[in-house]
Protein backbone atom coordinates (compact mmCIF):
# COMPACT_ATOMS: atom_id res chain seq x y z
CA MET A 1 -28.70 85.36 68.11
CA ASP A 2 -27.50 88.91 67.49
CA TYR A 3 -24.18 88.01 65.88
CA LEU A 4 -23.33 91.65 65.19
CA ALA A 5 -24.00 92.57 68.86
CA ARG A 6 -26.08 95.58 67.87
CA GLU A 7 -28.57 94.99 70.66
CA SER A 8 -25.80 95.61 73.18
CA ALA A 9 -25.47 99.21 71.98
CA ASP A 10 -27.94 101.88 73.07
CA LEU A 11 -28.00 103.50 69.64
CA PRO A 12 -31.06 104.54 67.62
CA VAL A 13 -32.13 102.59 64.55
CA GLU A 14 -31.77 105.74 62.45
CA LEU A 15 -28.06 105.92 63.28
CA TRP A 16 -27.51 102.28 62.40
CA ASN A 17 -29.25 102.88 59.08
CA ARG A 18 -26.97 105.83 58.33
CA ILE A 19 -23.87 103.80 59.24
CA ASP A 20 -25.00 100.91 57.03
CA ASP A 21 -25.71 103.24 54.13
CA ALA A 22 -22.32 104.94 54.48
CA VAL A 23 -20.34 101.69 54.75
CA ILE A 24 -22.16 99.64 52.10
CA GLY A 25 -22.50 102.58 49.72
CA THR A 26 -18.79 103.38 49.96
CA ALA A 27 -17.78 99.74 49.53
CA ARG A 28 -19.92 99.36 46.42
CA LYS A 29 -18.20 102.35 44.82
CA HIS A 30 -14.71 101.04 45.57
CA LEU A 31 -15.03 97.26 45.14
CA THR A 32 -13.73 96.14 41.75
CA CYS A 33 -13.84 92.35 41.54
CA ARG A 34 -17.48 92.06 42.63
CA ARG A 35 -18.41 93.86 39.43
CA PHE A 36 -17.56 90.80 37.37
CA LEU A 37 -17.45 87.84 39.77
CA LYS A 38 -20.63 85.97 40.62
CA LEU A 39 -21.32 85.54 44.34
CA PHE A 40 -21.91 82.14 45.93
CA GLY A 41 -23.86 82.78 49.11
CA PRO A 42 -24.09 84.45 51.55
CA LEU A 43 -23.74 81.20 53.47
CA GLY A 44 -24.06 82.87 56.88
CA PRO A 45 -21.57 83.95 59.57
CA GLY A 46 -21.26 80.39 60.88
CA ALA A 47 -19.79 79.07 57.62
CA THR A 48 -16.04 78.58 58.07
CA SER A 49 -15.25 76.74 54.84
CA VAL A 50 -16.71 76.00 51.42
CA ALA A 51 -16.31 73.19 48.88
CA VAL A 52 -14.39 73.78 45.68
CA ASP A 53 -15.11 71.35 42.87
CA GLY A 54 -12.46 70.92 40.20
CA VAL A 55 -13.25 70.12 36.58
CA ALA A 56 -12.43 66.44 37.20
CA LYS A 57 -14.87 66.02 40.10
CA GLU A 58 -16.65 62.67 40.21
CA GLU A 59 -18.18 60.24 42.65
CA VAL A 60 -16.25 57.00 42.93
CA LEU A 61 -18.17 53.91 44.09
CA GLU A 62 -16.17 50.90 45.20
CA ASP A 63 -16.78 48.03 47.61
CA GLY A 64 -19.99 49.59 48.90
CA ILE A 65 -18.33 52.95 49.62
CA GLY A 66 -18.89 56.16 47.69
CA ARG A 67 -16.55 59.12 47.83
CA ILE A 68 -16.16 62.34 45.85
CA VAL A 69 -12.77 62.99 44.26
CA GLY A 70 -11.72 66.31 42.79
CA ARG A 71 -13.33 68.26 45.64
CA THR A 72 -11.39 70.31 48.19
CA ARG A 73 -12.33 72.53 51.11
CA LEU A 74 -11.44 76.22 51.19
CA GLU A 75 -11.33 78.29 54.37
CA LEU A 76 -13.53 81.38 54.59
CA PRO A 77 -11.29 83.74 56.58
CA MET A 78 -12.70 86.79 58.30
CA PHE A 79 -11.56 90.25 57.25
CA TYR A 80 -12.32 93.24 59.43
CA GLU A 81 -11.71 96.94 59.86
CA ASP A 82 -12.51 98.95 63.00
CA PHE A 83 -13.62 102.52 63.42
CA THR A 84 -14.72 104.74 66.31
CA LEU A 85 -17.44 107.33 66.69
CA LEU A 86 -16.86 109.70 69.60
CA GLY A 87 -19.51 109.80 72.29
CA ARG A 88 -19.34 113.59 72.44
CA ASP A 89 -20.02 113.80 68.70
CA LEU A 90 -23.05 111.52 69.03
CA GLU A 91 -24.36 113.62 71.92
CA ARG A 92 -23.90 116.86 69.98
CA ALA A 93 -25.70 115.43 66.96
CA ASP A 94 -28.57 114.31 69.20
CA GLN A 95 -28.86 117.71 70.90
CA THR A 96 -28.54 119.92 67.82
CA GLY A 97 -30.06 117.76 65.10
CA ILE A 98 -26.95 118.27 62.95
CA ALA A 99 -26.08 115.08 61.07
CA LEU A 100 -23.22 113.09 62.56
CA ASP A 101 -20.00 113.09 60.54
CA LEU A 102 -19.45 109.48 59.44
CA ALA A 103 -16.03 110.05 57.88
CA PRO A 104 -14.40 107.35 60.09
CA ALA A 105 -16.92 104.77 58.83
CA VAL A 106 -16.33 105.80 55.20
CA ALA A 107 -12.56 105.56 55.60
CA ALA A 108 -12.85 102.08 57.15
CA ALA A 109 -15.17 100.96 54.34
CA LYS A 110 -12.59 102.03 51.74
CA LYS A 111 -9.92 99.96 53.50
CA SER A 112 -12.28 96.97 53.64
CA ALA A 113 -12.99 97.20 49.92
CA ARG A 114 -9.29 97.40 49.12
CA ARG A 115 -8.52 94.40 51.32
CA GLU A 116 -11.17 92.31 49.56
CA ASP A 117 -9.86 93.15 46.09
CA ASP A 118 -6.29 92.52 47.23
CA LEU A 119 -7.24 89.01 48.41
CA ILE A 120 -9.08 88.19 45.18
CA LEU A 121 -6.32 89.42 42.87
CA ASN A 122 -3.11 88.78 44.80
CA GLY A 123 -4.11 86.05 47.23
CA ASN A 124 -2.59 85.76 50.69
CA LYS A 125 0.50 83.64 51.34
CA ALA A 126 -0.03 83.57 55.11
CA LEU A 127 -3.48 82.05 54.60
CA GLY A 128 -2.39 79.80 51.74
CA ILE A 129 -4.98 81.40 49.44
CA ASP A 130 -4.34 82.01 45.75
CA GLY A 131 -5.57 85.02 43.79
CA LEU A 132 -6.33 85.52 40.13
CA LEU A 133 -2.75 86.69 39.53
CA THR A 134 -1.07 83.92 41.53
CA VAL A 135 -3.09 80.73 41.08
CA LYS A 136 -1.22 77.78 39.60
CA GLY A 137 -2.46 76.45 36.28
CA SER A 138 -3.43 79.78 34.73
CA SER A 139 -2.26 80.69 31.24
CA LYS A 140 0.51 83.23 30.73
CA ILE A 141 1.07 85.76 27.94
CA LYS A 142 4.20 87.88 27.65
CA LYS A 143 3.01 91.46 27.67
CA GLY A 144 4.22 93.98 25.11
CA ASP A 145 4.69 97.70 25.76
CA TRP A 146 1.10 98.94 26.03
CA ALA A 147 2.32 102.53 25.77
CA GLN A 148 3.39 101.87 22.17
CA GLY A 149 1.48 101.00 19.01
CA GLU A 150 -1.47 98.65 19.52
CA HIS A 151 0.31 96.19 21.81
CA GLY A 152 -2.40 96.43 24.47
CA PHE A 153 -5.20 95.50 22.09
CA ALA A 154 -3.07 92.82 20.43
CA ASP A 155 -2.23 91.19 23.78
CA VAL A 156 -5.86 91.15 24.93
CA ALA A 157 -7.00 89.82 21.55
CA ALA A 158 -4.43 87.03 21.79
CA ALA A 159 -5.65 86.14 25.28
CA VAL A 160 -9.29 86.09 24.16
CA ALA A 161 -8.38 83.89 21.20
CA GLN A 162 -6.50 81.51 23.48
CA LEU A 163 -9.45 81.19 25.86
CA ALA A 164 -11.96 80.78 23.04
CA LYS A 165 -9.81 78.16 21.30
CA THR A 166 -9.77 76.03 24.43
CA GLY A 167 -13.51 76.36 24.97
CA TYR A 168 -13.69 79.12 27.60
CA LEU A 169 -16.55 81.17 26.25
CA GLY A 170 -18.74 83.66 28.09
CA ARG A 171 -18.20 86.89 30.01
CA TYR A 172 -14.64 88.12 29.77
CA ALA A 173 -13.29 90.65 32.28
CA LEU A 174 -9.97 92.47 32.05
CA VAL A 175 -8.45 93.91 35.24
CA VAL A 176 -5.47 96.24 34.88
CA SER A 177 -3.21 98.38 37.03
CA PRO A 178 -3.62 102.18 36.82
CA ASP A 179 -0.55 102.67 34.62
CA LEU A 180 -1.78 100.19 32.02
CA TYR A 181 -5.24 101.73 32.12
CA LEU A 182 -3.70 105.09 31.24
CA ASP A 183 -1.64 103.45 28.48
CA LEU A 184 -4.92 102.36 26.86
CA GLN A 185 -6.18 105.96 26.69
CA ARG A 186 -4.40 106.62 23.39
CA LEU A 187 -5.89 107.37 20.00
CA GLN A 188 -5.04 104.58 17.61
CA PRO A 189 -3.65 105.64 14.21
CA ASN A 190 -6.03 105.25 11.26
CA THR A 191 -8.91 104.09 13.49
CA GLY A 192 -10.27 107.24 15.15
CA MET A 193 -10.69 105.16 18.32
CA LEU A 194 -8.99 105.01 21.68
CA GLU A 195 -7.25 101.71 22.27
CA ILE A 196 -9.44 101.07 25.30
CA ASP A 197 -12.53 101.45 23.07
CA ARG A 198 -11.23 98.66 20.85
CA VAL A 199 -10.55 96.47 23.88
CA GLN A 200 -14.01 97.14 25.29
CA LYS A 201 -15.66 96.27 22.00
CA LEU A 202 -13.73 93.01 22.04
CA ILE A 203 -14.72 91.90 25.55
CA GLY A 204 -18.01 93.70 26.14
CA ASP A 205 -16.97 96.85 28.05
CA ASN A 206 -15.66 94.81 31.00
CA VAL A 207 -12.38 96.65 31.66
CA TYR A 208 -11.62 97.42 35.30
CA MET A 209 -8.82 99.35 36.98
CA THR A 210 -7.58 98.87 40.52
CA SER A 211 -4.57 100.12 42.43
CA VAL A 212 -4.20 96.89 44.44
CA MET A 213 -2.36 95.47 41.43
CA GLY A 214 1.29 96.34 40.99
CA ALA A 215 2.49 98.43 38.08
CA GLY A 216 2.34 96.70 34.70
CA LYS A 217 -0.06 93.98 35.91
CA ALA A 218 -3.12 92.74 34.04
CA VAL A 219 -5.32 89.64 34.06
CA LEU A 220 -8.10 88.43 31.76
CA VAL A 221 -10.76 86.13 33.24
CA CYS A 222 -13.58 84.15 31.72
CA ALA A 223 -15.81 85.06 34.64
CA GLU A 224 -18.46 82.36 34.33
CA PRO A 225 -19.30 80.78 37.72
CA GLU A 226 -18.38 77.28 36.54
CA TYR A 227 -14.77 78.51 36.32
CA VAL A 228 -14.46 81.05 39.13
CA ASP A 229 -16.67 82.76 41.69
CA LEU A 230 -16.59 84.49 45.07
CA ALA A 231 -17.83 82.44 48.03
CA VAL A 232 -19.29 84.64 50.79
CA GLY A 233 -20.14 83.56 54.32
CA LEU A 234 -20.92 86.81 56.13
CA ASP A 235 -21.39 89.58 53.60
CA LEU A 236 -20.01 93.02 54.38
CA SER A 237 -21.64 94.01 57.70
CA VAL A 238 -21.16 96.43 60.58
CA GLY A 239 -21.17 95.14 64.13
CA TYR A 240 -20.87 96.82 67.54
CA LEU A 241 -17.47 96.25 69.10
CA GLU A 242 -17.29 98.08 72.44
CA LEU A 243 -17.87 101.17 74.52
CA ALA A 244 -14.47 102.47 75.62
CA ASP A 245 -13.81 105.81 77.27
CA PHE A 246 -17.42 106.72 76.40
CA ASN A 247 -16.67 106.32 72.69
CA HIS A 248 -18.34 103.72 70.48
CA GLY A 249 -16.26 101.17 68.59
CA PHE A 250 -17.57 99.44 65.46
CA ARG A 251 -16.24 96.66 63.26
CA ILE A 252 -16.78 96.10 59.55
CA MET A 253 -16.63 92.35 58.91
CA GLU A 254 -16.91 89.87 56.07
CA THR A 255 -15.92 86.26 55.43
CA LEU A 256 -15.14 85.23 51.87
CA ALA A 257 -12.77 83.44 49.54
CA LEU A 258 -12.11 83.25 45.81
CA ARG A 259 -13.06 79.87 44.38
CA VAL A 260 -10.99 79.03 41.30
CA LYS A 261 -12.50 75.86 39.91
CA ASP A 262 -10.65 75.91 36.58
CA PRO A 263 -7.48 78.05 36.54
CA ALA A 264 -7.13 77.62 32.77
CA ALA A 265 -9.96 80.18 32.44
CA ILE A 266 -7.50 82.85 33.64
CA VAL A 267 -4.81 84.54 31.53
CA VAL A 268 -2.11 86.53 33.34
CA PHE A 269 -0.08 89.09 31.40
CA GLY A 270 3.53 89.16 32.52
């Protein structure tokens, strides 16, 4: 089955390859959370939900019946962004050999990347999905003024110490809003180092900035897959939507959800 409906479009393979390269290449440059989260999947476009096992998961056997407790099901919602390529532009490119301008596809890919990061970090109340910043059970640290002294480094160090003390060891990732990222670009007195350099040495260079977080927001994650990962059904793909008014409509689609198996592996600065 051609789930992406590409066979219904009379478009050359070379054009599809260029569209795929433009969309996937742009998304890779703009996606933030995939840089530190492990992927579970892809499970395929037919997957509508995925199991989430908590730390207390076990199989209970009683009276000849076995059941698993501590396991829930999480919906894999679909996220999409549409774009249009004009039929006249395709015809001109075919007649002249001049490469087709794929700016609409690039713009849609940027929006798709932003939507994915927004879901992972902020969740979605309408869907009942938690994000790294909103999930219940995470640890909280009162943030100092990162524009002054070494408060940024001190806060991150305190969060790392808290995670390590409770046994959350492994890859740490710090995600910050743009204003906090700029606050870390200060030379620390008597060290000859930028504050962000000290933070990166502490957590292994894994400092990421994204504008989907509100001002003054930051979160530290022990990003091992036993604590948190990203479940993917249909990975970022481009399908054919329709031919309308002789113009070609396309849809960028993906199905995914953040799986937080142990929220205590997350520290939110507030």
